[in-house]
Amino acid sequence: MAPYKALYGRQCQSPVGWFEPGEARLLDTDLVRGALEKVKLIQNLLRTEQSRQKSYANRKVRDVAYMVGEKVFLRVSPMKGVMRFGKKDKLSSRHNGPFEVLKRIGEVAYKLALPSSVSGVHPMFHVSMLRKYYGDPSHILDFNTV
């Protein structure tokens, strides 16, 4: 509901149309008291809505920090016709890596050690694009036996 409509019961953009021409009204205490009550009601509704939105946003926030030398996966979204990390379109994986963290830049940015095959990609990424790599010895392939 628009603030003017909530306060005065009608849709107005400017105070010009609030009173009829030739009508002289004196502002009494009831009108002022009513307006103040409406303002307090609107403030309370805004406060409750703000806290609701904050609770929704706080559910998605996760504090993640990576140490220098740790391995992380890099999340990339496939774009039609753009070739990243060797494959394009739907065949490209969502997470590539693991890559080593070289340096932490600020609170939420990290510089990764990318291979020379993807030299066209900038090496700094936001923390939201990274996922922690949990090493598993069974994942390591011995290329001599292949």
N, C-alpha and C. Protein backbone atom coordinates (compact mmCIF):
# COMPACT_ATOMS: atom_id res chain seq x y z
N MET A 1 0.85 -1.17 0.00
CA MET A 1 0.00 0.00 0.00
C MET A 1 0.90 1.24 0.00
N ALA A 2 0.54 2.21 -0.82
CA ALA A 2 1.32 3.44 -0.90
C ALA A 2 1.18 4.23 0.40
N PRO A 3 2.22 4.96 0.81
CA PRO A 3 2.14 5.69 2.08
C PRO A 3 1.01 6.71 2.13
N TYR A 4 0.76 7.43 1.02
CA TYR A 4 -0.32 8.42 1.02
C TYR A 4 -1.67 7.73 1.18
N LYS A 5 -1.82 6.59 0.50
CA LYS A 5 -3.08 5.87 0.57
C LYS A 5 -3.30 5.33 1.98
N ALA A 6 -2.24 4.86 2.62
CA ALA A 6 -2.37 4.35 3.99
C ALA A 6 -2.69 5.46 4.97
N LEU A 7 -2.10 6.63 4.75
CA LEU A 7 -2.31 7.72 5.71
C LEU A 7 -3.66 8.42 5.53
N TYR A 8 -4.05 8.64 4.30
CA TYR A 8 -5.21 9.48 4.05
C TYR A 8 -6.37 8.76 3.36
N GLY A 9 -6.24 7.49 3.07
CA GLY A 9 -7.35 6.73 2.52
C GLY A 9 -7.59 6.93 1.04
N ARG A 10 -6.76 7.67 0.36
CA ARG A 10 -6.91 7.84 -1.09
C ARG A 10 -5.55 7.96 -1.75
N GLN A 11 -5.51 7.65 -3.03
CA GLN A 11 -4.26 7.67 -3.78
C GLN A 11 -3.94 9.10 -4.18
N CYS A 12 -2.85 9.65 -3.68
CA CYS A 12 -2.43 11.00 -4.02
C CYS A 12 -0.93 11.03 -4.19
N GLN A 13 -0.46 11.84 -5.10
CA GLN A 13 0.97 12.00 -5.27
C GLN A 13 1.46 13.30 -4.66
N SER A 14 0.59 14.29 -4.59
CA SER A 14 0.98 15.57 -4.02
C SER A 14 -0.14 16.06 -3.09
N PRO A 15 0.18 16.96 -2.18
CA PRO A 15 -0.85 17.44 -1.25
C PRO A 15 -1.86 18.38 -1.87
N VAL A 16 -1.78 18.63 -3.19
CA VAL A 16 -2.70 19.57 -3.83
C VAL A 16 -4.13 19.05 -3.80
N GLY A 17 -4.34 17.78 -4.03
CA GLY A 17 -5.69 17.25 -4.14
C GLY A 17 -6.26 16.69 -2.86
N TRP A 18 -5.70 17.01 -1.73
CA TRP A 18 -6.16 16.44 -0.48
C TRP A 18 -7.50 17.04 -0.04
N PHE A 19 -7.73 18.29 -0.33
CA PHE A 19 -8.96 18.96 0.11
C PHE A 19 -9.71 19.48 -1.10
N GLU A 20 -11.03 19.55 -0.97
CA GLU A 20 -11.85 20.08 -2.05
C GLU A 20 -11.65 21.60 -2.15
N PRO A 21 -11.80 22.18 -3.36
CA PRO A 21 -11.65 23.64 -3.49
C PRO A 21 -12.74 24.35 -2.68
N GLY A 22 -12.35 25.36 -1.99
CA GLY A 22 -13.28 26.13 -1.20
C GLY A 22 -13.57 25.53 0.17
N GLU A 23 -13.08 24.33 0.39
CA GLU A 23 -13.33 23.68 1.68
C GLU A 23 -12.17 24.03 2.61
N ALA A 24 -12.47 24.57 3.71
CA ALA A 24 -11.44 24.95 4.67
C ALA A 24 -11.55 24.01 5.87
N ARG A 25 -10.54 23.20 6.06
CA ARG A 25 -10.53 22.28 7.19
C ARG A 25 -9.43 22.71 8.16
N LEU A 26 -9.74 22.63 9.36
CA LEU A 26 -8.72 22.86 10.37
C LEU A 26 -8.19 21.51 10.80
N LEU A 27 -6.90 21.42 10.90
CA LEU A 27 -6.29 20.18 11.32
C LEU A 27 -6.43 20.05 12.84
N ASP A 28 -7.20 19.09 13.26
CA ASP A 28 -7.37 18.91 14.69
C ASP A 28 -6.44 17.81 15.19
N THR A 29 -6.46 17.55 16.46
CA THR A 29 -5.54 16.58 17.06
C THR A 29 -5.89 15.15 16.66
N ASP A 30 -7.18 14.87 16.35
CA ASP A 30 -7.55 13.53 15.96
C ASP A 30 -6.91 13.14 14.63
N LEU A 31 -6.88 14.07 13.69
CA LEU A 31 -6.27 13.80 12.39
C LEU A 31 -4.77 13.58 12.54
N VAL A 32 -4.12 14.39 13.35
CA VAL A 32 -2.68 14.24 13.56
C VAL A 32 -2.39 12.94 14.30
N ARG A 33 -3.20 12.62 15.30
CA ARG A 33 -3.01 11.39 16.06
C ARG A 33 -3.22 10.17 15.14
N GLY A 34 -4.24 10.23 14.31
CA GLY A 34 -4.50 9.14 13.37
C GLY A 34 -3.34 8.95 12.40
N ALA A 35 -2.80 10.07 11.91
CA ALA A 35 -1.67 10.00 10.98
C ALA A 35 -0.45 9.39 11.67
N LEU A 36 -0.20 9.78 12.91
CA LEU A 36 0.94 9.22 13.64
C LEU A 36 0.77 7.73 13.90
N GLU A 37 -0.47 7.29 14.19
CA GLU A 37 -0.73 5.86 14.38
C GLU A 37 -0.48 5.08 13.09
N LYS A 38 -0.91 5.66 11.97
CA LYS A 38 -0.68 5.00 10.69
C LYS A 38 0.81 4.90 10.38
N VAL A 39 1.56 5.97 10.70
CA VAL A 39 3.01 5.96 10.47
C VAL A 39 3.66 4.87 11.32
N LYS A 40 3.24 4.75 12.58
CA LYS A 40 3.80 3.71 13.45
C LYS A 40 3.44 2.32 12.94
N LEU A 41 2.23 2.15 12.42
CA LEU A 41 1.81 0.87 11.85
C LEU A 41 2.68 0.51 10.65
N ILE A 42 2.91 1.48 9.78
CA ILE A 42 3.75 1.25 8.59
C ILE A 42 5.18 0.92 9.01
N GLN A 43 5.70 1.62 10.02
CA GLN A 43 7.06 1.34 10.48
C GLN A 43 7.16 -0.07 11.05
N ASN A 44 6.17 -0.51 11.80
CA ASN A 44 6.18 -1.86 12.36
C ASN A 44 6.11 -2.91 11.25
N LEU A 45 5.26 -2.68 10.25
CA LEU A 45 5.17 -3.62 9.14
C LEU A 45 6.48 -3.70 8.36
N LEU A 46 7.12 -2.55 8.15
CA LEU A 46 8.41 -2.54 7.46
C LEU A 46 9.47 -3.26 8.28
N ARG A 47 9.45 -3.07 9.59
CA ARG A 47 10.43 -3.74 10.46
C ARG A 47 10.26 -5.26 10.43
N THR A 48 9.01 -5.74 10.47
CA THR A 48 8.79 -7.19 10.43
C THR A 48 9.19 -7.76 9.07
N GLU A 49 8.89 -7.04 8.00
CA GLU A 49 9.27 -7.52 6.67
C GLU A 49 10.79 -7.53 6.50
N GLN A 50 11.45 -6.54 7.07
CA GLN A 50 12.90 -6.48 7.00
C GLN A 50 13.53 -7.65 7.74
N SER A 51 13.00 -7.99 8.90
CA SER A 51 13.55 -9.12 9.66
C SER A 51 13.28 -10.43 8.93
N ARG A 52 12.14 -10.54 8.27
CA ARG A 52 11.84 -11.75 7.50
C ARG A 52 12.81 -11.91 6.34
N GLN A 53 13.05 -10.82 5.60
CA GLN A 53 14.00 -10.88 4.49
C GLN A 53 15.41 -11.18 4.98
N LYS A 54 15.78 -10.62 6.14
CA LYS A 54 17.10 -10.87 6.69
C LYS A 54 17.27 -12.33 7.05
N SER A 55 16.22 -12.96 7.59
CA SER A 55 16.33 -14.37 7.95
C SER A 55 16.46 -15.24 6.70
N TYR A 56 15.79 -14.87 5.61
CA TYR A 56 15.93 -15.62 4.36
C TYR A 56 17.36 -15.49 3.83
N ALA A 57 17.92 -14.29 3.88
CA ALA A 57 19.26 -14.06 3.36
C ALA A 57 20.31 -14.74 4.23
N ASN A 58 20.11 -14.76 5.55
CA ASN A 58 21.10 -15.36 6.44
C ASN A 58 21.18 -16.87 6.29
N ARG A 59 20.13 -17.51 5.81
CA ARG A 59 20.18 -18.96 5.59
C ARG A 59 21.16 -19.33 4.50
N LYS A 60 21.33 -18.44 3.52
CA LYS A 60 22.18 -18.73 2.38
C LYS A 60 23.63 -18.29 2.59
N VAL A 61 23.89 -17.52 3.63
CA VAL A 61 25.24 -17.03 3.88
C VAL A 61 26.06 -18.12 4.54
N ARG A 62 27.23 -18.36 4.02
CA ARG A 62 28.13 -19.32 4.64
C ARG A 62 29.51 -18.70 4.69
N ASP A 63 30.12 -18.77 5.85
CA ASP A 63 31.45 -18.21 6.03
C ASP A 63 32.47 -19.26 5.62
N VAL A 64 33.14 -19.01 4.51
CA VAL A 64 34.12 -19.95 3.98
C VAL A 64 35.44 -19.22 3.84
N ALA A 65 36.49 -19.85 4.32
CA ALA A 65 37.83 -19.30 4.15
C ALA A 65 38.76 -20.45 3.77
N TYR A 66 39.58 -20.23 2.79
CA TYR A 66 40.52 -21.23 2.32
C TYR A 66 41.93 -20.78 2.68
N MET A 67 42.77 -21.74 3.01
CA MET A 67 44.16 -21.46 3.35
C MET A 67 45.01 -21.53 2.07
N VAL A 68 46.14 -20.83 2.09
CA VAL A 68 47.07 -20.89 0.96
C VAL A 68 47.62 -22.31 0.89
N GLY A 69 47.59 -22.90 -0.29
CA GLY A 69 48.06 -24.26 -0.49
C GLY A 69 46.95 -25.29 -0.53
N GLU A 70 45.75 -24.90 -0.11
CA GLU A 70 44.60 -25.82 -0.16
C GLU A 70 44.15 -26.02 -1.60
N LYS A 71 43.49 -27.13 -1.85
CA LYS A 71 42.95 -27.42 -3.17
C LYS A 71 41.46 -27.11 -3.18
N VAL A 72 41.00 -26.49 -4.28
CA VAL A 72 39.58 -26.14 -4.42
C VAL A 72 39.13 -26.47 -5.83
N PHE A 73 37.82 -26.72 -5.94
CA PHE A 73 37.19 -26.84 -7.24
C PHE A 73 36.69 -25.47 -7.66
N LEU A 74 36.72 -25.21 -8.95
CA LEU A 74 36.25 -23.94 -9.50
C LEU A 74 34.95 -24.19 -10.22
N ARG A 75 33.90 -23.47 -9.83
CA ARG A 75 32.59 -23.63 -10.47
C ARG A 75 32.52 -22.71 -11.68
N VAL A 76 32.24 -23.28 -12.81
CA VAL A 76 32.05 -22.50 -14.04
C VAL A 76 30.71 -22.88 -14.63
N SER A 77 30.02 -21.91 -15.14
CA SER A 77 28.73 -22.19 -15.78
C SER A 77 28.94 -22.24 -17.29
N PRO A 78 28.43 -23.26 -17.95
CA PRO A 78 28.63 -23.37 -19.39
C PRO A 78 27.83 -22.31 -20.14
N MET A 79 28.47 -21.71 -21.12
CA MET A 79 27.80 -20.73 -21.97
C MET A 79 27.79 -21.28 -23.39
N LYS A 80 26.70 -21.09 -24.06
CA LYS A 80 26.54 -21.65 -25.40
C LYS A 80 27.57 -21.04 -26.34
N GLY A 81 28.33 -21.89 -26.98
CA GLY A 81 29.30 -21.44 -27.96
C GLY A 81 30.63 -21.01 -27.38
N VAL A 82 30.76 -20.94 -26.05
CA VAL A 82 32.01 -20.51 -25.44
C VAL A 82 32.74 -21.73 -24.93
N MET A 83 34.00 -21.85 -25.28
CA MET A 83 34.77 -23.02 -24.88
C MET A 83 35.64 -22.67 -23.69
N ARG A 84 35.37 -23.30 -22.54
CA ARG A 84 36.16 -23.10 -21.34
C ARG A 84 36.63 -24.44 -20.84
N PHE A 85 37.85 -24.50 -20.43
CA PHE A 85 38.41 -25.70 -19.81
C PHE A 85 38.27 -26.93 -20.71
N GLY A 86 38.38 -26.76 -22.01
CA GLY A 86 38.47 -27.90 -22.91
C GLY A 86 37.18 -28.41 -23.50
N LYS A 87 36.02 -28.14 -22.91
CA LYS A 87 34.75 -28.63 -23.45
C LYS A 87 33.79 -27.46 -23.54
N LYS A 88 32.76 -27.62 -24.37
CA LYS A 88 31.79 -26.55 -24.46
C LYS A 88 30.37 -27.09 -24.33
N ASP A 89 29.43 -26.18 -24.15
CA ASP A 89 28.01 -26.46 -24.03
C ASP A 89 27.69 -27.38 -22.85
N LYS A 90 26.81 -28.32 -23.06
CA LYS A 90 26.32 -29.15 -21.96
C LYS A 90 27.32 -30.17 -21.47
N LEU A 91 28.34 -30.46 -22.25
CA LEU A 91 29.30 -31.48 -21.85
C LEU A 91 30.30 -30.99 -20.83
N SER A 92 30.43 -29.68 -20.69
CA SER A 92 31.41 -29.17 -19.73
C SER A 92 30.88 -29.37 -18.31
N SER A 93 31.78 -29.74 -17.42
CA SER A 93 31.38 -30.02 -16.04
C SER A 93 31.16 -28.71 -15.29
N ARG A 94 30.38 -28.77 -14.22
CA ARG A 94 30.08 -27.58 -13.43
C ARG A 94 31.28 -27.16 -12.58
N HIS A 95 32.03 -28.13 -12.08
CA HIS A 95 33.19 -27.85 -11.25
C HIS A 95 34.43 -28.41 -11.91
N ASN A 96 35.45 -27.59 -12.03
CA ASN A 96 36.72 -28.00 -12.62
C ASN A 96 37.81 -27.93 -11.58
N GLY A 97 38.79 -28.75 -11.74
CA GLY A 97 39.90 -28.69 -10.80
C GLY A 97 40.31 -30.06 -10.35
N PRO A 98 40.96 -30.18 -9.29
CA PRO A 98 41.23 -29.18 -8.24
C PRO A 98 42.40 -28.26 -8.60
N PHE A 99 42.30 -27.04 -8.10
CA PHE A 99 43.35 -26.04 -8.28
C PHE A 99 43.84 -25.62 -6.91
N GLU A 100 45.09 -25.22 -6.87
CA GLU A 100 45.70 -24.80 -5.61
C GLU A 100 45.48 -23.32 -5.38
N VAL A 101 45.19 -22.95 -4.13
CA VAL A 101 45.02 -21.55 -3.76
C VAL A 101 46.41 -20.96 -3.57
N LEU A 102 46.74 -19.91 -4.35
CA LEU A 102 48.04 -19.26 -4.25
C LEU A 102 48.05 -18.13 -3.24
N LYS A 103 46.94 -17.36 -3.21
CA LYS A 103 46.94 -16.15 -2.40
C LYS A 103 45.51 -15.75 -2.09
N ARG A 104 45.31 -15.20 -0.90
CA ARG A 104 44.01 -14.65 -0.54
C ARG A 104 44.07 -13.14 -0.75
N ILE A 105 43.11 -12.62 -1.49
CA ILE A 105 43.07 -11.20 -1.79
C ILE A 105 41.82 -10.63 -1.15
N GLY A 106 41.99 -9.84 -0.13
CA GLY A 106 40.84 -9.27 0.58
C GLY A 106 40.12 -10.33 1.38
N GLU A 107 38.83 -10.10 1.59
CA GLU A 107 38.02 -11.02 2.40
C GLU A 107 37.43 -12.15 1.59
N VAL A 108 37.11 -11.90 0.32
CA VAL A 108 36.33 -12.87 -0.45
C VAL A 108 36.93 -13.25 -1.80
N ALA A 109 38.16 -12.89 -2.08
CA ALA A 109 38.76 -13.20 -3.38
C ALA A 109 40.00 -14.06 -3.18
N TYR A 110 40.21 -14.98 -4.13
CA TYR A 110 41.35 -15.88 -4.07
C TYR A 110 42.01 -15.97 -5.43
N LYS A 111 43.34 -16.10 -5.42
CA LYS A 111 44.09 -16.29 -6.65
C LYS A 111 44.45 -17.77 -6.72
N LEU A 112 44.14 -18.39 -7.87
CA LEU A 112 44.35 -19.83 -8.04
C LEU A 112 45.50 -20.10 -9.00
N ALA A 113 46.11 -21.24 -8.84
CA ALA A 113 47.16 -21.69 -9.76
C ALA A 113 46.48 -22.45 -10.90
N LEU A 114 46.25 -21.77 -12.00
CA LEU A 114 45.59 -22.39 -13.15
C LEU A 114 46.65 -22.93 -14.11
N PRO A 115 46.34 -24.03 -14.81
CA PRO A 115 47.31 -24.56 -15.78
C PRO A 115 47.44 -23.64 -16.98
N SER A 116 48.50 -23.86 -17.74
CA SER A 116 48.76 -22.99 -18.90
C SER A 116 47.73 -23.18 -20.01
N SER A 117 47.00 -24.30 -19.99
CA SER A 117 46.00 -24.54 -21.03
C SER A 117 44.82 -23.58 -20.93
N VAL A 118 44.61 -22.98 -19.77
CA VAL A 118 43.51 -22.02 -19.59
C VAL A 118 44.09 -20.65 -19.24
N SER A 119 45.11 -20.25 -19.97
CA SER A 119 45.79 -18.99 -19.68
C SER A 119 44.91 -17.77 -20.00
N GLY A 120 43.85 -17.95 -20.76
CA GLY A 120 42.96 -16.84 -21.09
C GLY A 120 42.00 -16.48 -19.96
N VAL A 121 41.93 -17.31 -18.93
CA VAL A 121 41.02 -17.07 -17.80
C VAL A 121 41.79 -16.33 -16.71
N HIS A 122 41.18 -15.31 -16.15
CA HIS A 122 41.80 -14.54 -15.07
C HIS A 122 41.92 -15.42 -13.83
N PRO A 123 43.04 -15.40 -13.12
CA PRO A 123 43.25 -16.35 -12.01
C PRO A 123 42.59 -15.97 -10.69
N MET A 124 41.91 -14.83 -10.59
CA MET A 124 41.28 -14.43 -9.32
C MET A 124 39.79 -14.70 -9.38
N PHE A 125 39.27 -15.30 -8.28
CA PHE A 125 37.88 -15.70 -8.24
C PHE A 125 37.26 -15.36 -6.90
N HIS A 126 35.95 -15.10 -6.92
CA HIS A 126 35.19 -14.86 -5.71
C HIS A 126 34.97 -16.17 -4.98
N VAL A 127 34.82 -16.10 -3.66
CA VAL A 127 34.68 -17.29 -2.83
C VAL A 127 33.43 -18.09 -3.21
N SER A 128 32.41 -17.44 -3.75
CA SER A 128 31.18 -18.14 -4.13
C SER A 128 31.40 -19.08 -5.31
N MET A 129 32.49 -18.90 -6.07
CA MET A 129 32.76 -19.76 -7.21
C MET A 129 33.64 -20.95 -6.85
N LEU A 130 34.03 -21.06 -5.59
CA LEU A 130 34.95 -22.11 -5.17
C LEU A 130 34.25 -23.11 -4.26
N ARG A 131 34.67 -24.37 -4.37
CA ARG A 131 34.21 -25.44 -3.49
C ARG A 131 35.43 -26.18 -2.98
N LYS A 132 35.40 -26.57 -1.74
CA LYS A 132 36.54 -27.25 -1.13
C LYS A 132 36.73 -28.64 -1.75
N TYR A 133 37.98 -28.99 -1.98
CA TYR A 133 38.33 -30.31 -2.52
C TYR A 133 38.79 -31.18 -1.37
N TYR A 134 38.11 -32.28 -1.19
CA TYR A 134 38.49 -33.26 -0.18
C TYR A 134 39.26 -34.37 -0.90
N GLY A 135 40.55 -34.44 -0.66
CA GLY A 135 41.40 -35.39 -1.37
C GLY A 135 41.09 -36.83 -0.99
N ASP A 136 41.10 -37.67 -2.00
CA ASP A 136 40.88 -39.10 -1.80
C ASP A 136 41.96 -39.83 -2.60
N PRO A 137 42.79 -40.67 -1.93
CA PRO A 137 43.87 -41.35 -2.65
C PRO A 137 43.38 -42.26 -3.77
N SER A 138 42.15 -42.73 -3.69
CA SER A 138 41.65 -43.60 -4.76
C SER A 138 41.34 -42.82 -6.04
N HIS A 139 41.26 -41.52 -5.96
CA HIS A 139 40.99 -40.70 -7.15
C HIS A 139 42.24 -40.45 -7.99
N ILE A 140 43.41 -40.69 -7.42
CA ILE A 140 44.65 -40.41 -8.13
C ILE A 140 44.92 -41.55 -9.10
N LEU A 141 45.12 -41.19 -10.37
CA LEU A 141 45.39 -42.18 -11.41
C LEU A 141 46.88 -42.26 -11.68
N ASP A 142 47.37 -43.47 -11.88
CA ASP A 142 48.75 -43.67 -12.28
C ASP A 142 48.77 -43.76 -13.79
N PHE A 143 49.34 -42.76 -14.46
CA PHE A 143 49.29 -42.70 -15.91
C PHE A 143 50.23 -43.72 -16.56
N ASN A 144 51.18 -44.26 -15.79
CA ASN A 144 52.09 -45.27 -16.37
C ASN A 144 51.36 -46.57 -16.67
N THR A 145 50.33 -46.91 -15.89
CA THR A 145 49.60 -48.15 -16.10
C THR A 145 48.51 -48.02 -17.15
N VAL A 146 48.16 -46.81 -17.51
CA VAL A 146 47.06 -46.62 -18.46
C VAL A 146 47.58 -46.79 -19.88
